[in-house]
Protein backbone atom coordinates (compact mmCIF):
# COMPACT_ATOMS: atom_id res chain seq x y z
CA MET A 1 0.00 0.00 0.00
CA ARG A 2 1.09 3.55 -0.58
CA SER A 3 1.85 5.95 2.18
CA GLY A 4 1.14 9.65 2.24
CA ARG A 5 -1.92 11.79 1.85
CA HIS A 6 -5.18 10.32 0.67
CA GLY A 7 -8.34 11.93 -0.58
CA ALA A 8 -8.82 15.68 -0.44
CA ALA A 9 -6.03 16.52 2.03
CA ARG A 10 -4.37 19.75 0.97
CA PRO A 11 -1.53 21.87 2.23
CA PRO A 12 -2.51 24.97 4.22
CA ILE A 13 -3.37 28.02 2.12
CA GLY A 14 -0.69 30.07 3.89
CA VAL A 15 1.97 27.68 2.63
CA LEU A 16 0.69 27.96 -0.93
CA ILE A 17 0.59 31.76 -0.77
CA HIS A 18 4.11 31.81 0.64
CA ARG A 19 5.34 29.70 -2.31
CA ASP A 20 4.07 32.19 -4.86
CA ARG A 21 4.20 35.55 -3.09
CA VAL A 22 4.60 37.66 -6.24
CA ASP A 23 1.35 36.48 -7.84
CA PHE A 24 -0.65 36.95 -4.66
CA SER A 25 0.82 40.38 -3.98
CA LEU A 26 -0.21 41.40 -7.52
CA TYR A 27 -3.74 40.14 -6.83
CA ALA A 28 -3.79 42.19 -3.62
CA LEU A 29 -2.53 45.30 -5.43
CA GLN A 30 -5.21 44.82 -8.08
CA ALA A 31 -7.89 44.59 -5.38
CA VAL A 32 -6.63 47.71 -3.58
CA ILE A 33 -6.62 49.74 -6.80
CA ALA A 34 -10.13 48.54 -7.66
CA VAL A 35 -11.44 49.48 -4.21
CA VAL A 36 -9.82 52.93 -4.39
CA VAL A 37 -11.39 53.53 -7.82
CA MET A 38 -14.75 52.40 -6.48
CA ILE A 39 -14.52 54.74 -3.49
CA VAL A 40 -13.40 57.74 -5.55
CA THR A 41 -15.94 57.40 -8.38
CA GLY A 42 -19.14 56.34 -6.63
CA PRO A 43 -21.80 53.87 -7.74
CA THR A 44 -23.18 56.01 -10.58
CA SER A 45 -19.94 55.86 -12.57
CA PRO A 46 -19.06 53.12 -15.06
CA ALA A 47 -15.57 53.02 -13.49
CA PHE A 48 -17.18 51.86 -10.24
CA TRP A 49 -18.75 48.87 -11.95
CA LEU A 50 -15.57 48.07 -13.85
CA GLY A 51 -13.75 48.11 -10.51
CA PHE A 52 -16.39 45.78 -9.11
CA LEU A 53 -15.89 43.37 -12.01
CA LEU A 54 -12.12 43.64 -11.47
CA LEU A 55 -12.56 42.60 -7.83
CA ILE A 56 -14.61 39.56 -8.82
CA ALA A 57 -12.13 38.58 -11.54
CA GLY A 58 -9.22 38.98 -9.10
CA ALA A 59 -10.92 36.73 -6.54
CA VAL A 60 -11.58 34.07 -9.18
CA LEU A 61 -7.98 34.19 -10.39
CA CYS A 62 -6.70 33.98 -6.82
CA PHE A 63 -8.78 30.88 -6.04
CA ARG A 64 -7.79 29.24 -9.32
CA ARG A 65 -4.11 29.87 -8.53
CA ILE A 66 -4.51 28.34 -5.06
CA GLU A 67 -6.17 25.27 -6.58
CA ARG A 68 -3.40 24.87 -9.16
CA LEU A 69 -0.65 25.23 -6.56
CA SER A 70 -2.31 22.68 -4.30
CA ARG A 71 -2.65 20.19 -7.18
CA GLU A 72 1.00 20.69 -8.11
CA GLU A 73 2.11 20.09 -4.54
CA LEU A 74 -0.02 16.96 -4.18
CA ALA A 75 1.25 15.62 -7.51
CA GLY A 76 4.84 16.24 -6.39
CA GLU A 77 4.29 14.17 -3.24
CA GLU A 78 2.94 11.21 -5.20
CA LEU A 79 6.18 11.00 -7.16
CA LEU A 80 8.21 10.48 -3.99
């Protein structure tokens, strides 16, 4: 029988973020800029809604990156 992780066990999110700090800091910068634009323009401006869409897109990209990093780490452990 094989040893190691089984099923849906994943590494902690903090470990994954630490592995790829540059990508996640860019996602955070994108979110901060979008929030600032949203605060400055107000909800009647098209820039507000573009900033809102940018926040949603950034969150989706962040979660997809976390999923990919976790799959890569789990695949690396199976090779050992």
